[in-house]
């Protein structure tokens, strides 16, 4: 894969530039929307839910922003990744290039947006009197796991989308459900311990909880918790690679 990347490095770089420019083409604020969009979303949710959950939740703004940060990155990355094959069909049907390059370019573009939002997130942490220490370096791990998870899910969705266009609408409904099951704006205090374990089946919540533990409480989760995130990310990425390898030639006949 590294050899192929070096061979198609120029194409990959141009794809990333194109995807990034296309996202803000025709907008007045351009890249500022990467910052304004999550901030406005945060403001709305804070106004709506702070009175219900913010009273009993310490550092509620940071708590809320942590959930939005992870979920918005996952949602954007997988949504754009889902259509990566079809939108680039004119290229790979004429030129023999690795098809995963199109998905990777979408993910790099989304990752840049994520990093911009992450900077604003840290500013909010400072305003919310969050303590910064060496424990913050632990955030690198969940970010890497989230990026791998996004690529894996994106590969699965993009492969399925070539054969079943209804996936786009079904996934939109799924994301709505996932948003409410990821414990973004509420807490699990009202649930029993057994019910709380069920939420651990959601990899997005697992990553959100990890980030909250590190940022808000200054605690680094156990090795088993690290292993759980690795399992989710590895399974998604492995399944995505399987789909791309199995249906590599069939993509040409359905796009």
C-alpha atoms as a PDB file:
ATOM      1  CA  UNK A   1       0.000   0.000   0.000  1.00  0.00           C
ATOM      2  CA  UNK A   2       2.899   2.354   0.787  1.00  0.00           C
ATOM      3  CA  UNK A   3       4.438   1.694  -2.624  1.00  0.00           C
ATOM      4  CA  UNK A   4       1.124   2.424  -4.319  1.00  0.00           C
ATOM      5  CA  UNK A   5       0.777   5.638  -2.325  1.00  0.00           C
ATOM      6  CA  UNK A   6       4.205   6.822  -3.542  1.00  0.00           C
ATOM      7  CA  UNK A   7       3.226   5.929  -7.088  1.00  0.00           C
ATOM      8  CA  UNK A   8      -0.063   7.846  -6.918  1.00  0.00           C
ATOM      9  CA  UNK A   9       1.041  10.528  -4.447  1.00  0.00           C
ATOM     10  CA  UNK A  10       0.343  13.356  -6.893  1.00  0.00           C
ATOM     11  CA  UNK A  11      -3.172  12.065  -7.647  1.00  0.00           C
ATOM     12  CA  UNK A  12      -3.938  11.607  -3.957  1.00  0.00           C
ATOM     13  CA  UNK A  13      -2.754  15.128  -3.122  1.00  0.00           C
ATOM     14  CA  UNK A  14      -4.865  16.619  -5.901  1.00  0.00           C
ATOM     15  CA  UNK A  15      -7.921  14.648  -4.744  1.00  0.00           C
ATOM     16  CA  UNK A  16      -7.549  16.016  -1.215  1.00  0.00           C
ATOM     17  CA  UNK A  17      -7.204  19.568  -2.516  1.00  0.00           C
ATOM     18  CA  UNK A  18     -10.224  19.125  -4.779  1.00  0.00           C
ATOM     19  CA  UNK A  19     -12.427  17.700  -2.026  1.00  0.00           C
ATOM     20  CA  UNK A  20     -11.417  20.432   0.395  1.00  0.00           C
ATOM     21  CA  UNK A  21     -12.011  23.237  -2.107  1.00  0.00           C
ATOM     22  CA  UNK A  22     -15.288  21.747  -3.350  1.00  0.00           C
ATOM     23  CA  UNK A  23     -16.748  21.706   0.161  1.00  0.00           C
ATOM     24  CA  UNK A  24     -16.469  25.480   0.526  1.00  0.00           C
ATOM     25  CA  UNK A  25     -16.921  26.463  -3.097  1.00  0.00           C
ATOM     26  CA  UNK A  26     -19.412  29.277  -3.469  1.00  0.00           C
ATOM     27  CA  UNK A  27     -19.620  30.053   0.252  1.00  0.00           C
ATOM     28  CA  UNK A  28     -18.875  33.497   1.632  1.00  0.00           C
ATOM     29  CA  UNK A  29     -17.118  32.348   4.804  1.00  0.00           C
ATOM     30  CA  UNK A  30     -15.247  29.395   3.328  1.00  0.00           C
ATOM     31  CA  UNK A  31     -13.193  27.457   5.895  1.00  0.00           C
ATOM     32  CA  UNK A  32     -14.728  29.459   8.730  1.00  0.00           C
ATOM     33  CA  UNK A  33     -17.758  27.187   8.437  1.00  0.00           C
ATOM     34  CA  UNK A  34     -15.581  24.371   9.835  1.00  0.00           C
ATOM     35  CA  UNK A  35     -15.484  26.385  13.035  1.00  0.00           C
ATOM     36  CA  UNK A  36     -18.853  28.142  12.975  1.00  0.00           C
ATOM     37  CA  UNK A  37     -20.982  25.086  12.165  1.00  0.00           C
ATOM     38  CA  UNK A  38     -20.010  23.017  15.262  1.00  0.00           C
ATOM     39  CA  UNK A  39     -20.089  26.131  17.451  1.00  0.00           C
ATOM     40  CA  UNK A  40     -23.633  27.022  16.384  1.00  0.00           C
ATOM     41  CA  UNK A  41     -24.676  23.402  16.853  1.00  0.00           C
ATOM     42  CA  UNK A  42     -23.096  23.441  20.317  1.00  0.00           C
ATOM     43  CA  UNK A  43     -24.890  26.688  21.192  1.00  0.00           C
ATOM     44  CA  UNK A  44     -28.290  25.300  20.195  1.00  0.00           C
ATOM     45  CA  UNK A  45     -27.843  22.061  22.139  1.00  0.00           C
ATOM     46  CA  UNK A  46     -26.505  23.917  25.157  1.00  0.00           C
ATOM     47  CA  UNK A  47     -29.516  26.240  25.217  1.00  0.00           C
ATOM     48  CA  UNK A  48     -31.935  23.326  24.873  1.00  0.00           C
ATOM     49  CA  UNK A  49     -30.372  20.733  27.190  1.00  0.00           C
ATOM     50  CA  UNK A  50     -28.328  22.648  29.764  1.00  0.00           C
ATOM     51  CA  UNK A  51     -31.381  23.200  31.947  1.00  0.00           C
ATOM     52  CA  UNK A  52     -32.234  19.501  31.869  1.00  0.00           C
ATOM     53  CA  UNK A  53     -28.801  17.882  32.214  1.00  0.00           C
ATOM     54  CA  UNK A  54     -26.308  20.707  32.772  1.00  0.00           C
ATOM     55  CA  UNK A  55     -27.333  21.279  36.383  1.00  0.00           C
ATOM     56  CA  UNK A  56     -25.978  17.936  37.575  1.00  0.00           C
ATOM     57  CA  UNK A  57     -23.163  17.531  35.052  1.00  0.00           C
ATOM     58  CA  UNK A  58     -19.788  19.155  35.810  1.00  0.00           C
ATOM     59  CA  UNK A  59     -18.204  21.055  32.910  1.00  0.00           C
ATOM     60  CA  UNK A  60     -21.301  20.483  30.818  1.00  0.00           C
ATOM     61  CA  UNK A  61     -20.078  22.596  27.888  1.00  0.00           C
ATOM     62  CA  UNK A  62     -16.946  20.458  27.564  1.00  0.00           C
ATOM     63  CA  UNK A  63     -19.029  17.322  28.127  1.00  0.00           C
ATOM     64  CA  UNK A  64     -21.377  18.320  25.305  1.00  0.00           C
ATOM     65  CA  UNK A  65     -18.641  19.509  22.961  1.00  0.00           C
ATOM     66  CA  UNK A  66     -16.730  16.220  23.421  1.00  0.00           C
ATOM     67  CA  UNK A  67     -19.699  14.277  22.113  1.00  0.00           C
ATOM     68  CA  UNK A  68     -20.354  16.618  19.207  1.00  0.00           C
ATOM     69  CA  UNK A  69     -16.681  16.641  18.238  1.00  0.00           C
ATOM     70  CA  UNK A  70     -16.544  12.867  17.819  1.00  0.00           C
ATOM     71  CA  UNK A  71     -19.981  12.332  16.322  1.00  0.00           C
ATOM     72  CA  UNK A  72     -19.748  15.157  13.757  1.00  0.00           C
ATOM     73  CA  UNK A  73     -16.373  13.888  12.559  1.00  0.00           C
ATOM     74  CA  UNK A  74     -17.720  10.347  12.232  1.00  0.00           C
ATOM     75  CA  UNK A  75     -20.891  11.511  10.482  1.00  0.00           C
ATOM     76  CA  UNK A  76     -19.130  13.768   7.974  1.00  0.00           C
ATOM     77  CA  UNK A  77     -16.373  11.288   7.223  1.00  0.00           C
ATOM     78  CA  UNK A  78     -18.665   8.321   6.623  1.00  0.00           C
ATOM     79  CA  UNK A  79     -21.269  10.319   4.688  1.00  0.00           C
ATOM     80  CA  UNK A  80     -18.747  11.705   2.238  1.00  0.00           C
ATOM     81  CA  UNK A  81     -16.904   8.399   2.109  1.00  0.00           C
ATOM     82  CA  UNK A  82     -20.084   6.572   1.145  1.00  0.00           C
ATOM     83  CA  UNK A  83     -20.288   8.383  -2.217  1.00  0.00           C
ATOM     84  CA  UNK A  84     -16.546   8.424  -2.900  1.00  0.00           C
ATOM     85  CA  UNK A  85     -16.641   5.646  -5.495  1.00  0.00           C
ATOM     86  CA  UNK A  86     -19.613   6.872  -7.489  1.00  0.00           C
ATOM     87  CA  UNK A  87     -18.475  10.480  -7.608  1.00  0.00           C
ATOM     88  CA  UNK A  88     -15.095   9.384  -8.985  1.00  0.00           C
ATOM     89  CA  UNK A  89     -16.366   6.664 -11.316  1.00  0.00           C
ATOM     90  CA  UNK A  90     -15.273   8.617 -14.405  1.00  0.00           C
ATOM     91  CA  UNK A  91     -11.686   8.407 -13.203  1.00  0.00           C
ATOM     92  CA  UNK A  92     -11.222   4.778 -12.157  1.00  0.00           C
ATOM     93  CA  UNK A  93     -13.295   3.391 -15.055  1.00  0.00           C
ATOM     94  CA  UNK A  94     -10.810   4.945 -17.478  1.00  0.00           C
ATOM     95  CA  UNK A  95      -7.572   4.812 -15.479  1.00  0.00           C
ATOM     96  CA  UNK A  96      -6.389   1.870 -13.382  1.00  0.00           C
ATOM     97  CA  UNK A  97      -5.852   3.427  -9.960  1.00  0.00           C
ATOM     98  CA  UNK A  98      -6.427   2.022  -6.455  1.00  0.00           C
ATOM     99  CA  UNK A  99     -10.047   2.803  -5.626  1.00  0.00           C
ATOM    100  CA  UNK A 100      -9.392   3.320  -1.947  1.00  0.00           C
ATOM    101  CA  UNK A 101      -7.477   6.509  -2.795  1.00  0.00           C
ATOM    102  CA  UNK A 102     -10.781   8.311  -3.374  1.00  0.00           C
ATOM    103  CA  UNK A 103     -12.083   7.293   0.032  1.00  0.00           C
ATOM    104  CA  UNK A 104      -8.812   8.183   1.750  1.00  0.00           C
ATOM    105  CA  UNK A 105      -8.825  11.643   0.173  1.00  0.00           C
ATOM    106  CA  UNK A 106     -12.316  12.279   1.539  1.00  0.00           C
ATOM    107  CA  UNK A 107     -11.195  11.185   4.990  1.00  0.00           C
ATOM    108  CA  UNK A 108      -8.115  13.411   4.929  1.00  0.00           C
ATOM    109  CA  UNK A 109     -10.305  16.386   4.052  1.00  0.00           C
ATOM    110  CA  UNK A 110     -12.665  15.563   6.931  1.00  0.00           C
ATOM    111  CA  UNK A 111      -9.723  15.031   9.271  1.00  0.00           C
ATOM    112  CA  UNK A 112      -8.438  18.533   8.517  1.00  0.00           C
ATOM    113  CA  UNK A 113     -11.868  19.924   9.432  1.00  0.00           C
ATOM    114  CA  UNK A 114     -11.779  17.843  12.592  1.00  0.00           C
ATOM    115  CA  UNK A 115      -8.396  19.263  13.603  1.00  0.00           C
ATOM    116  CA  UNK A 116      -9.693  22.811  13.108  1.00  0.00           C
ATOM    117  CA  UNK A 117     -12.658  22.049  15.355  1.00  0.00           C
ATOM    118  CA  UNK A 118     -10.345  20.352  17.859  1.00  0.00           C
ATOM    119  CA  UNK A 119      -8.446  23.621  18.286  1.00  0.00           C
ATOM    120  CA  UNK A 120     -11.701  25.397  19.161  1.00  0.00           C
ATOM    121  CA  UNK A 121     -12.545  22.528  21.501  1.00  0.00           C
ATOM    122  CA  UNK A 122      -9.353  23.124  23.483  1.00  0.00           C
ATOM    123  CA  UNK A 123     -10.187  26.835  23.700  1.00  0.00           C
ATOM    124  CA  UNK A 124     -13.533  25.921  25.247  1.00  0.00           C
ATOM    125  CA  UNK A 125     -11.736  23.587  27.648  1.00  0.00           C
ATOM    126  CA  UNK A 126      -9.606  26.488  28.844  1.00  0.00           C
ATOM    127  CA  UNK A 127     -12.704  28.667  29.286  1.00  0.00           C
ATOM    128  CA  UNK A 128     -14.344  25.802  31.195  1.00  0.00           C
ATOM    129  CA  UNK A 129     -11.313  25.642  33.554  1.00  0.00           C
ATOM    130  CA  UNK A 130     -10.164  22.218  32.383  1.00  0.00           C
ATOM    131  CA  UNK A 131      -6.742  21.196  33.707  1.00  0.00           C
ATOM    132  CA  UNK A 132      -4.150  20.562  30.988  1.00  0.00           C
ATOM    133  CA  UNK A 133      -1.395  18.082  31.711  1.00  0.00           C
ATOM    134  CA  UNK A 134       0.545  15.213  30.178  1.00  0.00           C
ATOM    135  CA  UNK A 135      -2.574  13.067  30.449  1.00  0.00           C
ATOM    136  CA  UNK A 136      -3.974  15.038  27.498  1.00  0.00           C
ATOM    137  CA  UNK A 137      -1.517  13.212  25.231  1.00  0.00           C
ATOM    138  CA  UNK A 138      -3.704  10.142  25.718  1.00  0.00           C
ATOM    139  CA  UNK A 139      -6.211  11.796  23.351  1.00  0.00           C
ATOM    140  CA  UNK A 140      -3.987  10.801  20.455  1.00  0.00           C
ATOM    141  CA  UNK A 141      -5.082   7.182  20.807  1.00  0.00           C
ATOM    142  CA  UNK A 142      -8.887   7.640  20.486  1.00  0.00           C
ATOM    143  CA  UNK A 143      -8.371  10.101  17.625  1.00  0.00           C
ATOM    144  CA  UNK A 144      -6.331   7.504  15.716  1.00  0.00           C
ATOM    145  CA  UNK A 145      -8.887   4.808  16.473  1.00  0.00           C
ATOM    146  CA  UNK A 146     -11.710   7.089  15.321  1.00  0.00           C
ATOM    147  CA  UNK A 147      -9.896   7.871  12.070  1.00  0.00           C
ATOM    148  CA  UNK A 148      -9.389   4.137  11.381  1.00  0.00           C
ATOM    149  CA  UNK A 149     -13.025   3.431  12.267  1.00  0.00           C
ATOM    150  CA  UNK A 150     -14.170   6.156   9.877  1.00  0.00           C
ATOM    151  CA  UNK A 151     -12.105   4.738   7.034  1.00  0.00           C
ATOM    152  CA  UNK A 152     -13.402   1.220   7.680  1.00  0.00           C
ATOM    153  CA  UNK A 153     -17.057   2.228   7.873  1.00  0.00           C
ATOM    154  CA  UNK A 154     -16.583   4.472   4.839  1.00  0.00           C
ATOM    155  CA  UNK A 155     -15.174   1.566   2.821  1.00  0.00           C
ATOM    156  CA  UNK A 156     -18.109  -0.645   3.771  1.00  0.00           C
ATOM    157  CA  UNK A 157     -20.674   2.033   2.941  1.00  0.00           C
ATOM    158  CA  UNK A 158     -19.049   3.078  -0.335  1.00  0.00           C
ATOM    159  CA  UNK A 159     -18.917  -0.543  -1.500  1.00  0.00           C
ATOM    160  CA  UNK A 160     -22.550  -1.163  -0.574  1.00  0.00           C
ATOM    161  CA  UNK A 161     -23.646   2.148  -2.110  1.00  0.00           C
ATOM    162  CA  UNK A 162     -22.392   1.040  -5.523  1.00  0.00           C
ATOM    163  CA  UNK A 163     -24.840  -1.889  -5.500  1.00  0.00           C
ATOM    164  CA  UNK A 164     -27.646  -0.532  -3.287  1.00  0.00           C
ATOM    165  CA  UNK A 165     -28.376   3.194  -3.639  1.00  0.00           C
ATOM    166  CA  UNK A 166     -30.986   2.965  -0.874  1.00  0.00           C
ATOM    167  CA  UNK A 167     -28.102   2.781   1.604  1.00  0.00           C
ATOM    168  CA  UNK A 168     -27.882   6.577   1.509  1.00  0.00           C
ATOM    169  CA  UNK A 169     -31.374   7.007   2.967  1.00  0.00           C
ATOM    170  CA  UNK A 170     -31.084   4.119   5.406  1.00  0.00           C
ATOM    171  CA  UNK A 171     -27.784   5.435   6.705  1.00  0.00           C
ATOM    172  CA  UNK A 172     -29.279   8.871   7.258  1.00  0.00           C
ATOM    173  CA  UNK A 173     -31.898   7.311   9.520  1.00  0.00           C
ATOM    174  CA  UNK A 174     -29.228   5.227  11.232  1.00  0.00           C
ATOM    175  CA  UNK A 175     -27.146   8.327  11.997  1.00  0.00           C
ATOM    176  CA  UNK A 176     -30.135   9.982  13.619  1.00  0.00           C
ATOM    177  CA  UNK A 177     -30.576   6.953  15.862  1.00  0.00           C
ATOM    178  CA  UNK A 178     -26.846   6.749  16.549  1.00  0.00           C
ATOM    179  CA  UNK A 179     -26.771  10.412  17.550  1.00  0.00           C
ATOM    180  CA  UNK A 180     -29.220   9.785  20.388  1.00  0.00           C
ATOM    181  CA  UNK A 181     -27.553   6.535  21.432  1.00  0.00           C
ATOM    182  CA  UNK A 182     -24.100   8.110  21.701  1.00  0.00           C
ATOM    183  CA  UNK A 183     -24.885   9.927  24.979  1.00  0.00           C
ATOM    184  CA  UNK A 184     -23.939  13.316  23.564  1.00  0.00           C
ATOM    185  CA  UNK A 185     -26.194  15.672  25.528  1.00  0.00           C
ATOM    186  CA  UNK A 186     -27.355  13.513  28.447  1.00  0.00           C
ATOM    187  CA  UNK A 187     -25.749  11.290  31.062  1.00  0.00           C
ATOM    188  CA  UNK A 188     -26.214   7.637  31.988  1.00  0.00           C
ATOM    189  CA  UNK A 189     -26.818   8.288  35.681  1.00  0.00           C
ATOM    190  CA  UNK A 190     -30.460   7.284  35.389  1.00  0.00           C
ATOM    191  CA  UNK A 191     -29.594   3.902  33.892  1.00  0.00           C
ATOM    192  CA  UNK A 192     -28.617   0.776  35.789  1.00  0.00           C
ATOM    193  CA  UNK A 193     -25.109  -0.684  35.467  1.00  0.00           C
ATOM    194  CA  UNK A 194     -26.375  -3.445  33.179  1.00  0.00           C
ATOM    195  CA  UNK A 195     -28.124  -0.921  30.940  1.00  0.00           C
ATOM    196  CA  UNK A 196     -24.993   1.210  30.832  1.00  0.00           C
ATOM    197  CA  UNK A 197     -22.992  -1.766  29.559  1.00  0.00           C
ATOM    198  CA  UNK A 198     -25.311  -1.980  26.541  1.00  0.00           C
ATOM    199  CA  UNK A 199     -24.120   1.467  25.438  1.00  0.00           C
ATOM    200  CA  UNK A 200     -20.602   0.056  25.254  1.00  0.00           C
ATOM    201  CA  UNK A 201     -21.702  -1.801  22.123  1.00  0.00           C
ATOM    202  CA  UNK A 202     -21.689   1.586  20.401  1.00  0.00           C
ATOM    203  CA  UNK A 203     -18.095   2.341  19.273  1.00  0.00           C
ATOM    204  CA  UNK A 204     -18.842   6.071  18.972  1.00  0.00           C
ATOM    205  CA  UNK A 205     -19.925   6.253  22.596  1.00  0.00           C
ATOM    206  CA  UNK A 206     -16.842   4.270  23.622  1.00  0.00           C
ATOM    207  CA  UNK A 207     -14.609   6.907  22.015  1.00  0.00           C
ATOM    208  CA  UNK A 208     -16.654   9.805  23.413  1.00  0.00           C
ATOM    209  CA  UNK A 209     -16.462   8.347  26.913  1.00  0.00           C
ATOM    210  CA  UNK A 210     -12.693   7.908  26.618  1.00  0.00           C
ATOM    211  CA  UNK A 211     -12.212  11.556  25.649  1.00  0.00           C
ATOM    212  CA  UNK A 212     -14.454  12.743  28.481  1.00  0.00           C
ATOM    213  CA  UNK A 213     -12.572  10.615  30.986  1.00  0.00           C
ATOM    214  CA  UNK A 214      -9.257  12.130  29.955  1.00  0.00           C
ATOM    215  CA  UNK A 215     -10.331  15.750  29.475  1.00  0.00           C
ATOM    216  CA  UNK A 216     -12.912  16.303  32.207  1.00  0.00           C
ATOM    217  CA  UNK A 217     -11.817  13.852  34.886  1.00  0.00           C
ATOM    218  CA  UNK A 218      -8.082  13.597  34.112  1.00  0.00           C
ATOM    219  CA  UNK A 219      -8.235   9.786  34.075  1.00  0.00           C
ATOM    220  CA  UNK A 220      -6.813   7.395  31.483  1.00  0.00           C
ATOM    221  CA  UNK A 221      -9.034   4.328  30.888  1.00  0.00           C
ATOM    222  CA  UNK A 222      -7.788   0.793  31.418  1.00  0.00           C
ATOM    223  CA  UNK A 223      -5.880  -1.344  28.919  1.00  0.00           C
ATOM    224  CA  UNK A 224      -9.045  -3.389  28.362  1.00  0.00           C
ATOM    225  CA  UNK A 225     -10.833  -0.218  27.310  1.00  0.00           C
ATOM    226  CA  UNK A 226      -8.019   0.556  24.865  1.00  0.00           C
ATOM    227  CA  UNK A 227      -8.380  -2.959  23.513  1.00  0.00           C
ATOM    228  CA  UNK A 228     -12.118  -2.531  23.013  1.00  0.00           C
ATOM    229  CA  UNK A 229     -11.581   0.559  20.852  1.00  0.00           C
ATOM    230  CA  UNK A 230      -8.890  -1.241  18.880  1.00  0.00           C
ATOM    231  CA  UNK A 231     -11.283  -4.145  18.334  1.00  0.00           C
ATOM    232  CA  UNK A 232     -14.029  -1.897  16.947  1.00  0.00           C
ATOM    233  CA  UNK A 233     -11.674   0.046  14.693  1.00  0.00           C
ATOM    234  CA  UNK A 234      -9.824  -3.067  13.520  1.00  0.00           C
ATOM    235  CA  UNK A 235     -13.015  -4.976  12.694  1.00  0.00           C
ATOM    236  CA  UNK A 236     -14.464  -2.067  10.716  1.00  0.00           C
ATOM    237  CA  UNK A 237     -11.237  -1.514   8.791  1.00  0.00           C
ATOM    238  CA  UNK A 238     -10.725  -5.240   8.160  1.00  0.00           C
ATOM    239  CA  UNK A 239     -14.288  -5.670   6.896  1.00  0.00           C
ATOM    240  CA  UNK A 240     -13.915  -2.610   4.682  1.00  0.00           C
ATOM    241  CA  UNK A 241     -10.725  -3.992   3.130  1.00  0.00           C
ATOM    242  CA  UNK A 242     -12.493  -7.315   2.554  1.00  0.00           C
ATOM    243  CA  UNK A 243     -15.337  -5.593   0.689  1.00  0.00           C
ATOM    244  CA  UNK A 244     -12.951  -3.616  -1.504  1.00  0.00           C
ATOM    245  CA  UNK A 245     -10.846  -6.656  -2.344  1.00  0.00           C
ATOM    246  CA  UNK A 246     -13.799  -8.939  -3.054  1.00  0.00           C
ATOM    247  CA  UNK A 247     -15.785  -6.511  -5.217  1.00  0.00           C
ATOM    248  CA  UNK A 248     -12.874  -4.606  -6.748  1.00  0.00           C
ATOM    249  CA  UNK A 249     -13.629  -5.633 -10.337  1.00  0.00           C
ATOM    250  CA  UNK A 250     -17.423  -5.625  -9.925  1.00  0.00           C
ATOM    251  CA  UNK A 251     -17.400  -1.917  -9.063  1.00  0.00           C
ATOM    252  CA  UNK A 252     -16.668  -1.184 -12.726  1.00  0.00           C
ATOM    253  CA  UNK A 253     -19.951  -2.725 -13.871  1.00  0.00           C
ATOM    254  CA  UNK A 254     -22.291  -0.983 -11.427  1.00  0.00           C
ATOM    255  CA  UNK A 255     -21.050   2.630 -11.312  1.00  0.00           C
END
